[in-house]
Amino acid sequence: MDPSFIDADLWKALGSNLKLLWVFIGSIFILAFSLLISLGIIPSLAGSGHIPISPPGLAKLVVPLLYLTAGAASLAVVFVLVQVIPGIREIVVEIFGRIAV
């Protein structure tokens, strides 16, 4: 079970995958925040009468922009997962070649 020597190339690959994982976490927070605002808070406030049901002017764009933000964040999540999973698998196989096939 001893891992093989981790050389500079493996450390570089680990660092780039770690950066992508941070992007993944950020995308998840953006997705959750925009969905919470657009599907939870705004309809609840409109239903209770704290904000008008038909907002004036530019306020009509808030919910569609939040939906677009949620869509972009979900695409970012999928992109990062597609990029990270094969890279992490290659690194684990390279370091723990005998047990991670």
C-alpha atoms as a PDB file:
ATOM      1  CA  MET A   1       0.000   0.000   0.000  1.00  0.00           C
ATOM      2  CA  ASP A   2       2.967   2.313  -0.175  1.00  0.00           C
ATOM      3  CA  PRO A   3       2.339   5.141  -2.615  1.00  0.00           C
ATOM      4  CA  SER A   4       4.847   5.779  -5.347  1.00  0.00           C
ATOM      5  CA  PHE A   5       6.983   8.894  -5.371  1.00  0.00           C
ATOM      6  CA  ILE A   6       5.020  12.042  -6.168  1.00  0.00           C
ATOM      7  CA  ASP A   7       7.059  14.035  -8.651  1.00  0.00           C
ATOM      8  CA  ALA A   8       6.644  17.639  -9.826  1.00  0.00           C
ATOM      9  CA  ASP A   9       4.252  16.729 -12.645  1.00  0.00           C
ATOM     10  CA  LEU A  10       1.877  14.975 -10.256  1.00  0.00           C
ATOM     11  CA  TRP A  11       1.996  17.925  -7.851  1.00  0.00           C
ATOM     12  CA  LYS A  12       1.188  20.259 -10.746  1.00  0.00           C
ATOM     13  CA  ALA A  13      -1.762  18.070 -11.762  1.00  0.00           C
ATOM     14  CA  LEU A  14      -2.963  17.929  -8.145  1.00  0.00           C
ATOM     15  CA  GLY A  15      -2.751  21.715  -7.914  1.00  0.00           C
ATOM     16  CA  SER A  16      -4.756  22.278 -11.094  1.00  0.00           C
ATOM     17  CA  ASN A  17      -7.418  19.787  -9.983  1.00  0.00           C
ATOM     18  CA  LEU A  18      -7.575  21.491  -6.588  1.00  0.00           C
ATOM     19  CA  LYS A  19      -8.181  24.840  -8.293  1.00  0.00           C
ATOM     20  CA  LEU A  20     -10.994  23.284 -10.313  1.00  0.00           C
ATOM     21  CA  LEU A  21     -12.498  21.866  -7.127  1.00  0.00           C
ATOM     22  CA  TRP A  22     -12.545  25.395  -5.638  1.00  0.00           C
ATOM     23  CA  VAL A  23     -14.338  26.588  -8.779  1.00  0.00           C
ATOM     24  CA  PHE A  24     -16.775  23.714  -8.254  1.00  0.00           C
ATOM     25  CA  ILE A  25     -17.518  24.818  -4.685  1.00  0.00           C
ATOM     26  CA  GLY A  26     -17.977  28.426  -5.796  1.00  0.00           C
ATOM     27  CA  SER A  27     -20.331  27.342  -8.573  1.00  0.00           C
ATOM     28  CA  ILE A  28     -22.394  25.323  -6.109  1.00  0.00           C
ATOM     29  CA  PHE A  29     -22.738  28.348  -3.804  1.00  0.00           C
ATOM     30  CA  ILE A  30     -23.742  30.622  -6.709  1.00  0.00           C
ATOM     31  CA  LEU A  31     -26.265  28.051  -7.929  1.00  0.00           C
ATOM     32  CA  ALA A  32     -27.764  27.577  -4.470  1.00  0.00           C
ATOM     33  CA  PHE A  33     -27.961  31.322  -3.769  1.00  0.00           C
ATOM     34  CA  SER A  34     -29.623  32.195  -7.064  1.00  0.00           C
ATOM     35  CA  LEU A  35     -32.147  29.355  -6.787  1.00  0.00           C
ATOM     36  CA  LEU A  36     -32.901  30.263  -3.176  1.00  0.00           C
ATOM     37  CA  ILE A  37     -33.574  33.883  -4.098  1.00  0.00           C
ATOM     38  CA  SER A  38     -35.534  33.222  -7.309  1.00  0.00           C
ATOM     39  CA  LEU A  39     -37.573  30.201  -6.190  1.00  0.00           C
ATOM     40  CA  GLY A  40     -37.874  30.751  -2.456  1.00  0.00           C
ATOM     41  CA  ILE A  41     -37.515  34.260  -1.167  1.00  0.00           C
ATOM     42  CA  ILE A  42     -39.013  36.345  -3.990  1.00  0.00           C
ATOM     43  CA  PRO A  43     -42.209  34.226  -4.350  1.00  0.00           C
ATOM     44  CA  SER A  44     -42.604  34.118  -0.565  1.00  0.00           C
ATOM     45  CA  LEU A  45     -42.298  37.887  -0.242  1.00  0.00           C
ATOM     46  CA  ALA A  46     -44.683  38.430  -3.147  1.00  0.00           C
ATOM     47  CA  GLY A  47     -47.196  36.003  -1.656  1.00  0.00           C
ATOM     48  CA  SER A  48     -47.117  37.679   1.741  1.00  0.00           C
ATOM     49  CA  GLY A  49     -47.488  41.147   0.207  1.00  0.00           C
ATOM     50  CA  HIS A  50     -44.120  42.515   1.328  1.00  0.00           C
ATOM     51  CA  ILE A  51     -43.164  43.215  -2.289  1.00  0.00           C
ATOM     52  CA  PRO A  52     -45.544  43.922  -5.196  1.00  0.00           C
ATOM     53  CA  ILE A  53     -46.569  40.952  -7.326  1.00  0.00           C
ATOM     54  CA  SER A  54     -45.882  42.749 -10.604  1.00  0.00           C
ATOM     55  CA  PRO A  55     -42.671  44.718 -10.077  1.00  0.00           C
ATOM     56  CA  PRO A  56     -42.097  47.940 -11.986  1.00  0.00           C
ATOM     57  CA  GLY A  57     -39.380  48.611 -14.580  1.00  0.00           C
ATOM     58  CA  LEU A  58     -36.063  46.831 -14.275  1.00  0.00           C
ATOM     59  CA  ALA A  59     -37.209  44.758 -11.304  1.00  0.00           C
ATOM     60  CA  LYS A  60     -39.005  42.488 -13.797  1.00  0.00           C
ATOM     61  CA  LEU A  61     -35.574  41.315 -14.962  1.00  0.00           C
ATOM     62  CA  VAL A  62     -34.395  40.146 -11.542  1.00  0.00           C
ATOM     63  CA  VAL A  63     -35.938  36.661 -11.554  1.00  0.00           C
ATOM     64  CA  PRO A  64     -34.955  35.848 -15.177  1.00  0.00           C
ATOM     65  CA  LEU A  65     -31.404  37.026 -14.444  1.00  0.00           C
ATOM     66  CA  LEU A  66     -31.302  34.814 -11.381  1.00  0.00           C
ATOM     67  CA  TYR A  67     -32.508  31.892 -13.512  1.00  0.00           C
ATOM     68  CA  LEU A  68     -29.762  32.625 -16.048  1.00  0.00           C
ATOM     69  CA  THR A  69     -27.229  32.784 -13.235  1.00  0.00           C
ATOM     70  CA  ALA A  70     -28.439  29.433 -11.921  1.00  0.00           C
ATOM     71  CA  GLY A  71     -28.207  27.941 -15.408  1.00  0.00           C
ATOM     72  CA  ALA A  72     -24.678  29.251 -15.915  1.00  0.00           C
ATOM     73  CA  ALA A  73     -23.622  27.972 -12.488  1.00  0.00           C
ATOM     74  CA  SER A  74     -25.074  24.526 -13.195  1.00  0.00           C
ATOM     75  CA  LEU A  75     -23.199  24.423 -16.507  1.00  0.00           C
ATOM     76  CA  ALA A  76     -20.039  25.366 -14.623  1.00  0.00           C
ATOM     77  CA  VAL A  77     -20.665  22.553 -12.150  1.00  0.00           C
ATOM     78  CA  VAL A  78     -21.052  20.007 -14.956  1.00  0.00           C
ATOM     79  CA  PHE A  79     -17.977  21.355 -16.791  1.00  0.00           C
ATOM     80  CA  VAL A  80     -15.802  21.173 -13.684  1.00  0.00           C
ATOM     81  CA  LEU A  81     -16.965  17.641 -12.891  1.00  0.00           C
ATOM     82  CA  VAL A  82     -16.217  16.507 -16.442  1.00  0.00           C
ATOM     83  CA  GLN A  83     -12.741  18.034 -16.179  1.00  0.00           C
ATOM     84  CA  VAL A  84     -11.880  16.953 -12.626  1.00  0.00           C
ATOM     85  CA  ILE A  85     -13.054  13.337 -12.401  1.00  0.00           C
ATOM     86  CA  PRO A  86     -10.784  11.913 -15.135  1.00  0.00           C
ATOM     87  CA  GLY A  87      -7.840  13.971 -13.880  1.00  0.00           C
ATOM     88  CA  ILE A  88      -8.236  12.794 -10.314  1.00  0.00           C
ATOM     89  CA  ARG A  89      -8.598   9.205 -11.469  1.00  0.00           C
ATOM     90  CA  GLU A  90      -5.348   9.426 -13.446  1.00  0.00           C
ATOM     91  CA  ILE A  91      -3.513  10.915 -10.471  1.00  0.00           C
ATOM     92  CA  VAL A  92      -4.798   8.283  -8.043  1.00  0.00           C
ATOM     93  CA  VAL A  93      -3.866   5.481 -10.444  1.00  0.00           C
ATOM     94  CA  GLU A  94      -0.418   7.008 -10.902  1.00  0.00           C
ATOM     95  CA  ILE A  95       0.217   7.321  -7.161  1.00  0.00           C
ATOM     96  CA  PHE A  96      -1.555   4.170  -5.953  1.00  0.00           C
ATOM     97  CA  GLY A  97      -1.173   2.044  -9.065  1.00  0.00           C
ATOM     98  CA  ARG A  98      -1.469  -1.350  -7.457  1.00  0.00           C
ATOM     99  CA  ILE A  99      -4.727  -0.799  -5.610  1.00  0.00           C
ATOM    100  CA  ALA A 100      -6.556   1.823  -7.714  1.00  0.00           C
ATOM    101  CA  VAL A 101      -7.237   0.148 -11.012  1.00  0.00           C
END
